[in-house]
PDB file of N, CA and C in Angstrom:
ATOM      1  N   MET A   1     111.934 103.032 122.904  1.00  0.00           N
ATOM      2  CA  MET A   1     112.732 101.854 123.231  1.00  0.00           C
ATOM      3  C   MET A   1     113.954 101.779 122.318  1.00  0.00           C
ATOM      4  N   LEU A   2     113.755 102.006 121.021  1.00  0.00           N
ATOM      5  CA  LEU A   2     114.897 102.014 120.110  1.00  0.00           C
ATOM      6  C   LEU A   2     115.836 103.158 120.440  1.00  0.00           C
ATOM      7  N   ARG A   3     115.272 104.285 120.901  1.00  0.00           N
ATOM      8  CA  ARG A   3     116.093 105.430 121.272  1.00  0.00           C
ATOM      9  C   ARG A   3     116.942 105.090 122.501  1.00  0.00           C
ATOM     10  N   PHE A   4     116.389 104.243 123.370  1.00  0.00           N
ATOM     11  CA  PHE A   4     117.108 103.860 124.581  1.00  0.00           C
ATOM     12  C   PHE A   4     118.325 102.992 124.260  1.00  0.00           C
ATOM     13  N   PHE A   5     118.155 102.046 123.331  1.00  0.00           N
ATOM     14  CA  PHE A   5     119.269 101.176 122.960  1.00  0.00           C
ATOM     15  C   PHE A   5     120.320 101.932 122.157  1.00  0.00           C
ATOM     16  N   GLY A   6     119.893 102.876 121.375  1.00  0.00           N
ATOM     17  CA  GLY A   6     120.837 103.664 120.590  1.00  0.00           C
ATOM     18  C   GLY A   6     121.063 103.075 119.206  1.00  0.00           C
ATOM     19  N   LEU A   7     121.568 103.901 118.312  1.00  0.00           N
ATOM     20  CA  LEU A   7     121.750 103.499 116.929  1.00  0.00           C
ATOM     21  C   LEU A   7     122.870 102.478 116.723  1.00  0.00           C
ATOM     22  N   PRO A   8     124.039 102.610 117.367  1.00  0.00           N
ATOM     23  CA  PRO A   8     125.114 101.624 117.149  1.00  0.00           C
ATOM     24  C   PRO A   8     124.693 100.199 117.503  1.00  0.00           C
ATOM     25  N   GLN A   9     124.027 100.025 118.645  1.00  0.00           N
ATOM     26  CA  GLN A   9     123.585  98.699 119.026  1.00  0.00           C
ATOM     27  C   GLN A   9     122.547  98.177 118.046  1.00  0.00           C
ATOM     28  N   LEU A  10     121.662  99.069 117.600  1.00  0.00           N
ATOM     29  CA  LEU A  10     120.622  98.672 116.653  1.00  0.00           C
ATOM     30  C   LEU A  10     121.241  98.185 115.353  1.00  0.00           C
ATOM     31  N   LEU A  11     122.264  98.903 114.879  1.00  0.00           N
ATOM     32  CA  LEU A  11     122.919  98.498 113.644  1.00  0.00           C
ATOM     33  C   LEU A  11     123.696  97.198 113.831  1.00  0.00           C
ATOM     34  N   ARG A  12     124.272  97.026 115.013  1.00  0.00           N
ATOM     35  CA  ARG A  12     125.081  95.848 115.274  1.00  0.00           C
ATOM     36  C   ARG A  12     124.229  94.592 115.283  1.00  0.00           C
ATOM     37  N   TYR A  13     123.018  94.680 115.857  1.00  0.00           N
ATOM     38  CA  TYR A  13     122.178  93.494 115.990  1.00  0.00           C
ATOM     39  C   TYR A  13     121.087  93.408 114.924  1.00  0.00           C
ATOM     40  N   SER A  14     121.074  94.367 114.005  1.00  0.00           N
ATOM     41  CA  SER A  14     119.985  94.399 113.031  1.00  0.00           C
ATOM     42  C   SER A  14     119.997  93.160 112.133  1.00  0.00           C
ATOM     43  N   ALA A  15     121.192  92.664 111.788  1.00  0.00           N
ATOM     44  CA  ALA A  15     121.267  91.506 110.895  1.00  0.00           C
ATOM     45  C   ALA A  15     120.673  90.268 111.569  1.00  0.00           C
ATOM     46  N   ALA A  16     121.057  90.022 112.816  1.00  0.00           N
ATOM     47  CA  ALA A  16     120.540  88.858 113.532  1.00  0.00           C
ATOM     48  C   ALA A  16     119.037  89.001 113.768  1.00  0.00           C
ATOM     49  N   HIS A  17     118.598  90.190 114.145  1.00  0.00           N
ATOM     50  CA  HIS A  17     117.178  90.403 114.390  1.00  0.00           C
ATOM     51  C   HIS A  17     116.383  90.237 113.112  1.00  0.00           C
ATOM     52  N   ARG A  18     116.952  90.710 111.991  1.00  0.00           N
ATOM     53  CA  ARG A  18     116.249  90.584 110.724  1.00  0.00           C
ATOM     54  C   ARG A  18     116.097  89.118 110.348  1.00  0.00           C
ATOM     55  N   LEU A  19     117.148  88.314 110.603  1.00  0.00           N
ATOM     56  CA  LEU A  19     117.089  86.885 110.295  1.00  0.00           C
ATOM     57  C   LEU A  19     116.029  86.198 111.137  1.00  0.00           C
ATOM     58  N   VAL A  20     116.019  86.501 112.437  1.00  0.00           N
ATOM     59  CA  VAL A  20     115.037  85.883 113.326  1.00  0.00           C
ATOM     60  C   VAL A  20     113.624  86.298 112.952  1.00  0.00           C
ATOM     61  N   LEU A  21     113.423  87.574 112.680  1.00  0.00           N
ATOM     62  CA  LEU A  21     112.091  88.046 112.309  1.00  0.00           C
ATOM     63  C   LEU A  21     111.633  87.430 111.000  1.00  0.00           C
ATOM     64  N   THR A  22     112.568  87.270 110.052  1.00  0.00           N
ATOM     65  CA  THR A  22     112.215  86.660 108.774  1.00  0.00           C
ATOM     66  C   THR A  22     111.754  85.228 108.970  1.00  0.00           C
ATOM     67  N   ILE A  23     112.478  84.481 109.812  1.00  0.00           N
ATOM     68  CA  ILE A  23     112.095  83.094 110.077  1.00  0.00           C
ATOM     69  C   ILE A  23     110.735  83.035 110.774  1.00  0.00           C
ATOM     70  N   LEU A  24     110.549  83.900 111.776  1.00  0.00           N
ATOM     71  CA  LEU A  24     109.301  83.881 112.538  1.00  0.00           C
ATOM     72  C   LEU A  24     108.109  84.280 111.672  1.00  0.00           C
ATOM     73  N   ILE A  25     108.354  85.137 110.660  1.00  0.00           N
ATOM     74  CA  ILE A  25     107.270  85.588 109.798  1.00  0.00           C
ATOM     75  C   ILE A  25     106.994  84.580 108.686  1.00  0.00           C
ATOM     76  N   LEU A  26     108.062  84.038 108.082  1.00  0.00           N
ATOM     77  CA  LEU A  26     107.886  83.152 106.944  1.00  0.00           C
ATOM     78  C   LEU A  26     107.438  81.753 107.332  1.00  0.00           C
ATOM     79  N   LEU A  27     107.859  81.267 108.493  1.00  0.00           N
ATOM     80  CA  LEU A  27     107.487  79.915 108.895  1.00  0.00           C
ATOM     81  C   LEU A  27     105.972  79.728 108.990  1.00  0.00           C
ATOM     82  N   PRO A  28     105.233  80.601 109.695  1.00  0.00           N
ATOM     83  CA  PRO A  28     103.774  80.442 109.723  1.00  0.00           C
ATOM     84  C   PRO A  28     103.152  80.586 108.333  1.00  0.00           C
ATOM     85  N   LEU A  29     103.713  81.444 107.491  1.00  0.00           N
ATOM     86  CA  LEU A  29     103.180  81.606 106.143  1.00  0.00           C
ATOM     87  C   LEU A  29     103.341  80.320 105.334  1.00  0.00           C
ATOM     88  N   TRP A  30     104.519  79.699 105.423  1.00  0.00           N
ATOM     89  CA  TRP A  30     104.741  78.436 104.703  1.00  0.00           C
ATOM     90  C   TRP A  30     103.827  77.350 105.242  1.00  0.00           C
ATOM     91  N   LEU A  31     103.642  77.292 106.569  1.00  0.00           N
ATOM     92  CA  LEU A  31     102.741  76.291 107.146  1.00  0.00           C
ATOM     93  C   LEU A  31     101.315  76.523 106.670  1.00  0.00           C
ATOM     94  N   LEU A  32     100.913  77.775 106.579  1.00  0.00           N
ATOM     95  CA  LEU A  32      99.570  78.097 106.110  1.00  0.00           C
ATOM     96  C   LEU A  32      99.398  77.695 104.645  1.00  0.00           C
ATOM     97  N   ILE A  33     100.429  77.953 103.824  1.00  0.00           N
ATOM     98  CA  ILE A  33     100.378  77.586 102.410  1.00  0.00           C
ATOM     99  C   ILE A  33     100.303  76.066 102.259  1.00  0.00           C
ATOM    100  N   LEU A  34     101.161  75.347 103.009  1.00  0.00           N
ATOM    101  CA  LEU A  34     101.145  73.880 102.936  1.00  0.00           C
ATOM    102  C   LEU A  34      99.808  73.318 103.395  1.00  0.00           C
ATOM    103  N   TRP A  35      99.228  73.935 104.420  1.00  0.00           N
ATOM    104  CA  TRP A  35      97.930  73.490 104.935  1.00  0.00           C
ATOM    105  C   TRP A  35      96.838  73.711 103.883  1.00  0.00           C
ATOM    106  N   ALA A  36      96.885  74.865 103.216  1.00  0.00           N
ATOM    107  CA  ALA A  36      95.889  75.168 102.191  1.00  0.00           C
ATOM    108  C   ALA A  36      96.031  74.215 101.001  1.00  0.00           C
ATOM    109  N   VAL A  37      97.286  73.891 100.640  1.00  0.00           N
ATOM    110  CA  VAL A  37      97.509  72.969  99.521  1.00  0.00           C
ATOM    111  C   VAL A  37      97.042  71.565  99.893  1.00  0.00           C
ATOM    112  N   ALA A  38      97.275  71.176 101.124  1.00  0.00           N
ATOM    113  CA  ALA A  38      96.871  69.833 101.559  1.00  0.00           C
ATOM    114  C   ALA A  38      95.350  69.689 101.565  1.00  0.00           C
ATOM    115  N   LEU A  39      94.645  70.757 101.896  1.00  0.00           N
ATOM    116  CA  LEU A  39      93.183  70.689 101.941  1.00  0.00           C
ATOM    117  C   LEU A  39      92.562  70.765 100.549  1.00  0.00           C
ATOM    118  N   SER A  40      93.272  71.351  99.606  1.00  0.00           N
ATOM    119  CA  SER A  40      92.693  71.513  98.275  1.00  0.00           C
ATOM    120  C   SER A  40      92.809  70.245  97.442  1.00  0.00           C
TER     121      SER A  40
END
């Protein structure tokens, strides 16, 4: 799939994708941490 899109497009959108992935990954982690702190 990455080969289909090609390297230039991947590099062009990598910053936006990295930001979105970071938010999607960190948000559940922060919610889990807050939930654990609230229960303790």
